Amino acid sequence: MGLFGAFDTLFPIFFFIVFALVIGTFVVGLGKSAARGIKNNASPRLTTQARVVNRREDYRRHGRDMGGWTDYYVTFEVPSGDRMELEMSGEQYGLIAEGDEGQLTFQGTRFISFERDR
């Protein structure tokens, strides 16, 4: 059994391991997302006074030349001093500025709305 004989024997094993890791990673991510959604749905919908203390964008590339997507996050501070970072759509993100104060509505880790005080 030469070098190519070993390759012919080991390649299917390595291919299966890599394939199983990719599928496993996908399934675990899907499970975490579903669990977060179930937990958010079971949480009460709350509205509280809040102040915007930070905004950030997380741009993630999809391949070298295939573009990517941006996730948008805003950190809110409530009267108790606690802070929470919530993900939201780019449209919602564009309407919120640091220093804004208003009524924040959220459910678990899900952003629902933010209405600025006038």
C-alpha atoms as a PDB file:
ATOM      1  CA  MET A   1       0.000   0.000   0.000  1.00  0.00           C
ATOM      2  CA  GLY A   2       1.674   3.189  -1.218  1.00  0.00           C
ATOM      3  CA  LEU A   3       1.048   6.817  -0.534  1.00  0.00           C
ATOM      4  CA  PHE A   4      -2.016   6.919  -2.780  1.00  0.00           C
ATOM      5  CA  GLY A   5      -3.448   3.784  -1.162  1.00  0.00           C
ATOM      6  CA  ALA A   6      -3.353   5.492   2.241  1.00  0.00           C
ATOM      7  CA  PHE A   7      -4.959   8.597   0.702  1.00  0.00           C
ATOM      8  CA  ASP A   8      -7.754   6.499  -0.802  1.00  0.00           C
ATOM      9  CA  THR A   9      -8.405   4.948   2.610  1.00  0.00           C
ATOM     10  CA  LEU A  10      -8.158   8.095   4.759  1.00  0.00           C
ATOM     11  CA  PHE A  11      -9.881  10.636   2.485  1.00  0.00           C
ATOM     12  CA  PRO A  12     -13.425   9.283   3.001  1.00  0.00           C
ATOM     13  CA  ILE A  13     -12.879   9.275   6.764  1.00  0.00           C
ATOM     14  CA  PHE A  14     -11.611  12.886   6.832  1.00  0.00           C
ATOM     15  CA  PHE A  15     -14.368  13.970   4.463  1.00  0.00           C
ATOM     16  CA  PHE A  16     -17.021  12.445   6.738  1.00  0.00           C
ATOM     17  CA  ILE A  17     -15.506  14.082   9.851  1.00  0.00           C
ATOM     18  CA  VAL A  18     -15.439  17.536   8.234  1.00  0.00           C
ATOM     19  CA  PHE A  19     -18.971  17.061   6.873  1.00  0.00           C
ATOM     20  CA  ALA A  20     -20.234  15.977  10.322  1.00  0.00           C
ATOM     21  CA  LEU A  21     -18.589  19.010  11.979  1.00  0.00           C
ATOM     22  CA  VAL A  22     -20.189  21.429   9.507  1.00  0.00           C
ATOM     23  CA  ILE A  23     -23.638  19.859   9.888  1.00  0.00           C
ATOM     24  CA  GLY A  24     -23.215  19.659  13.679  1.00  0.00           C
ATOM     25  CA  THR A  25     -22.287  23.353  13.897  1.00  0.00           C
ATOM     26  CA  PHE A  26     -25.333  24.261  11.804  1.00  0.00           C
ATOM     27  CA  VAL A  27     -27.677  22.147  13.959  1.00  0.00           C
ATOM     28  CA  VAL A  28     -26.289  23.567  17.235  1.00  0.00           C
ATOM     29  CA  GLY A  29     -26.687  27.145  15.946  1.00  0.00           C
ATOM     30  CA  LEU A  30     -30.236  26.431  14.835  1.00  0.00           C
ATOM     31  CA  GLY A  31     -31.027  24.901  18.226  1.00  0.00           C
ATOM     32  CA  LYS A  32     -29.619  27.906  20.123  1.00  0.00           C
ATOM     33  CA  SER A  33     -31.644  30.281  17.962  1.00  0.00           C
ATOM     34  CA  ALA A  34     -34.836  28.288  18.539  1.00  0.00           C
ATOM     35  CA  ALA A  35     -34.197  28.127  22.299  1.00  0.00           C
ATOM     36  CA  ARG A  36     -33.657  31.912  22.441  1.00  0.00           C
ATOM     37  CA  GLY A  37     -36.912  32.474  20.520  1.00  0.00           C
ATOM     38  CA  ILE A  38     -38.858  30.159  22.839  1.00  0.00           C
ATOM     39  CA  LYS A  39     -37.399  31.889  25.916  1.00  0.00           C
ATOM     40  CA  ASN A  40     -38.232  35.351  24.513  1.00  0.00           C
ATOM     41  CA  ASN A  41     -41.793  34.274  23.705  1.00  0.00           C
ATOM     42  CA  ALA A  42     -42.229  33.044  27.287  1.00  0.00           C
ATOM     43  CA  SER A  43     -40.877  36.310  28.752  1.00  0.00           C
ATOM     44  CA  PRO A  44     -43.195  39.178  29.672  1.00  0.00           C
ATOM     45  CA  ARG A  45     -43.308  42.208  27.389  1.00  0.00           C
ATOM     46  CA  LEU A  46     -41.937  45.110  29.453  1.00  0.00           C
ATOM     47  CA  THR A  47     -41.905  48.872  28.916  1.00  0.00           C
ATOM     48  CA  THR A  48     -39.567  51.093  30.925  1.00  0.00           C
ATOM     49  CA  GLN A  49     -37.903  54.486  30.798  1.00  0.00           C
ATOM     50  CA  ALA A  50     -34.464  54.136  29.210  1.00  0.00           C
ATOM     51  CA  ARG A  51     -31.558  56.157  27.859  1.00  0.00           C
ATOM     52  CA  VAL A  52     -29.454  55.189  24.834  1.00  0.00           C
ATOM     53  CA  VAL A  53     -25.819  54.919  25.959  1.00  0.00           C
ATOM     54  CA  ASN A  54     -24.198  53.224  22.956  1.00  0.00           C
ATOM     55  CA  ARG A  55     -24.804  52.089  19.386  1.00  0.00           C
ATOM     56  CA  ARG A  56     -22.696  49.658  17.393  1.00  0.00           C
ATOM     57  CA  GLU A  57     -22.689  47.813  14.103  1.00  0.00           C
ATOM     58  CA  ASP A  58     -21.180  44.388  13.527  1.00  0.00           C
ATOM     59  CA  TYR A  59     -20.363  43.797   9.859  1.00  0.00           C
ATOM     60  CA  ARG A  60     -19.724  40.149   8.982  1.00  0.00           C
ATOM     61  CA  ARG A  61     -18.318  39.077   5.652  1.00  0.00           C
ATOM     62  CA  HIS A  62     -19.693  36.095   3.797  1.00  0.00           C
ATOM     63  CA  GLY A  63     -16.733  34.794   1.860  1.00  0.00           C
ATOM     64  CA  ARG A  64     -14.022  36.846   0.250  1.00  0.00           C
ATOM     65  CA  ASP A  65     -15.944  38.614  -2.509  1.00  0.00           C
ATOM     66  CA  MET A  66     -19.500  37.628  -1.686  1.00  0.00           C
ATOM     67  CA  GLY A  67     -20.495  40.605   0.478  1.00  0.00           C
ATOM     68  CA  GLY A  68     -21.894  40.202   3.947  1.00  0.00           C
ATOM     69  CA  TRP A  69     -24.423  41.542   6.397  1.00  0.00           C
ATOM     70  CA  THR A  70     -24.569  43.992   9.273  1.00  0.00           C
ATOM     71  CA  ASP A  71     -26.070  43.365  12.699  1.00  0.00           C
ATOM     72  CA  TYR A  72     -27.200  46.456  14.620  1.00  0.00           C
ATOM     73  CA  TYR A  73     -27.085  46.800  18.422  1.00  0.00           C
ATOM     74  CA  VAL A  74     -28.129  49.535  20.847  1.00  0.00           C
ATOM     75  CA  THR A  75     -27.273  49.609  24.547  1.00  0.00           C
ATOM     76  CA  PHE A  76     -29.987  51.025  26.792  1.00  0.00           C
ATOM     77  CA  GLU A  77     -29.640  52.080  30.432  1.00  0.00           C
ATOM     78  CA  VAL A  78     -32.720  51.841  32.662  1.00  0.00           C
ATOM     79  CA  PRO A  79     -33.319  53.920  35.848  1.00  0.00           C
ATOM     80  CA  SER A  80     -31.827  51.187  38.097  1.00  0.00           C
ATOM     81  CA  GLY A  81     -28.508  51.648  36.258  1.00  0.00           C
ATOM     82  CA  ASP A  82     -28.702  48.256  34.561  1.00  0.00           C
ATOM     83  CA  ARG A  83     -27.736  48.147  30.909  1.00  0.00           C
ATOM     84  CA  MET A  84     -28.923  45.861  28.144  1.00  0.00           C
ATOM     85  CA  GLU A  85     -27.764  45.540  24.568  1.00  0.00           C
ATOM     86  CA  LEU A  86     -30.525  44.682  22.123  1.00  0.00           C
ATOM     87  CA  GLU A  87     -30.245  43.733  18.472  1.00  0.00           C
ATOM     88  CA  MET A  88     -32.551  45.469  16.000  1.00  0.00           C
ATOM     89  CA  SER A  89     -33.092  46.085  12.312  1.00  0.00           C
ATOM     90  CA  GLY A  90     -31.102  48.723  10.453  1.00  0.00           C
ATOM     91  CA  GLU A  91     -34.277  50.768   9.963  1.00  0.00           C
ATOM     92  CA  GLN A  92     -34.929  50.910  13.721  1.00  0.00           C
ATOM     93  CA  TYR A  93     -31.230  51.545  14.411  1.00  0.00           C
ATOM     94  CA  GLY A  94     -31.218  54.554  12.102  1.00  0.00           C
ATOM     95  CA  LEU A  95     -33.945  56.264  14.144  1.00  0.00           C
ATOM     96  CA  ILE A  96     -32.075  56.060  17.468  1.00  0.00           C
ATOM     97  CA  ALA A  97     -29.179  58.283  18.588  1.00  0.00           C
ATOM     98  CA  GLU A  98     -26.883  58.150  21.613  1.00  0.00           C
ATOM     99  CA  GLY A  99     -28.338  60.227  24.424  1.00  0.00           C
ATOM    100  CA  ASP A 100     -31.963  59.678  23.389  1.00  0.00           C
ATOM    101  CA  GLU A 101     -34.345  59.076  26.279  1.00  0.00           C
ATOM    102  CA  GLY A 102     -37.755  57.484  26.064  1.00  0.00           C
ATOM    103  CA  GLN A 103     -39.894  54.408  26.525  1.00  0.00           C
ATOM    104  CA  LEU A 104     -38.182  51.116  25.701  1.00  0.00           C
ATOM    105  CA  THR A 105     -40.345  48.066  25.068  1.00  0.00           C
ATOM    106  CA  PHE A 106     -38.652  44.658  24.981  1.00  0.00           C
ATOM    107  CA  GLN A 107     -39.428  40.991  25.520  1.00  0.00           C
ATOM    108  CA  GLY A 108     -36.563  38.942  26.910  1.00  0.00           C
ATOM    109  CA  THR A 109     -33.666  39.834  24.617  1.00  0.00           C
ATOM    110  CA  ARG A 110     -35.968  40.905  21.769  1.00  0.00           C
ATOM    111  CA  PHE A 111     -36.241  44.621  20.964  1.00  0.00           C
ATOM    112  CA  ILE A 112     -39.848  45.686  20.337  1.00  0.00           C
ATOM    113  CA  SER A 113     -39.782  49.498  20.140  1.00  0.00           C
ATOM    114  CA  PHE A 114     -38.296  52.722  21.445  1.00  0.00           C
ATOM    115  CA  GLU A 115     -40.341  55.921  21.592  1.00  0.00           C
ATOM    116  CA  ARG A 116     -38.339  59.065  22.330  1.00  0.00           C
ATOM    117  CA  ASP A 117     -39.613  61.520  24.922  1.00  0.00           C
ATOM    118  CA  ARG A 118     -40.676  64.822  23.428  1.00  0.00           C
END
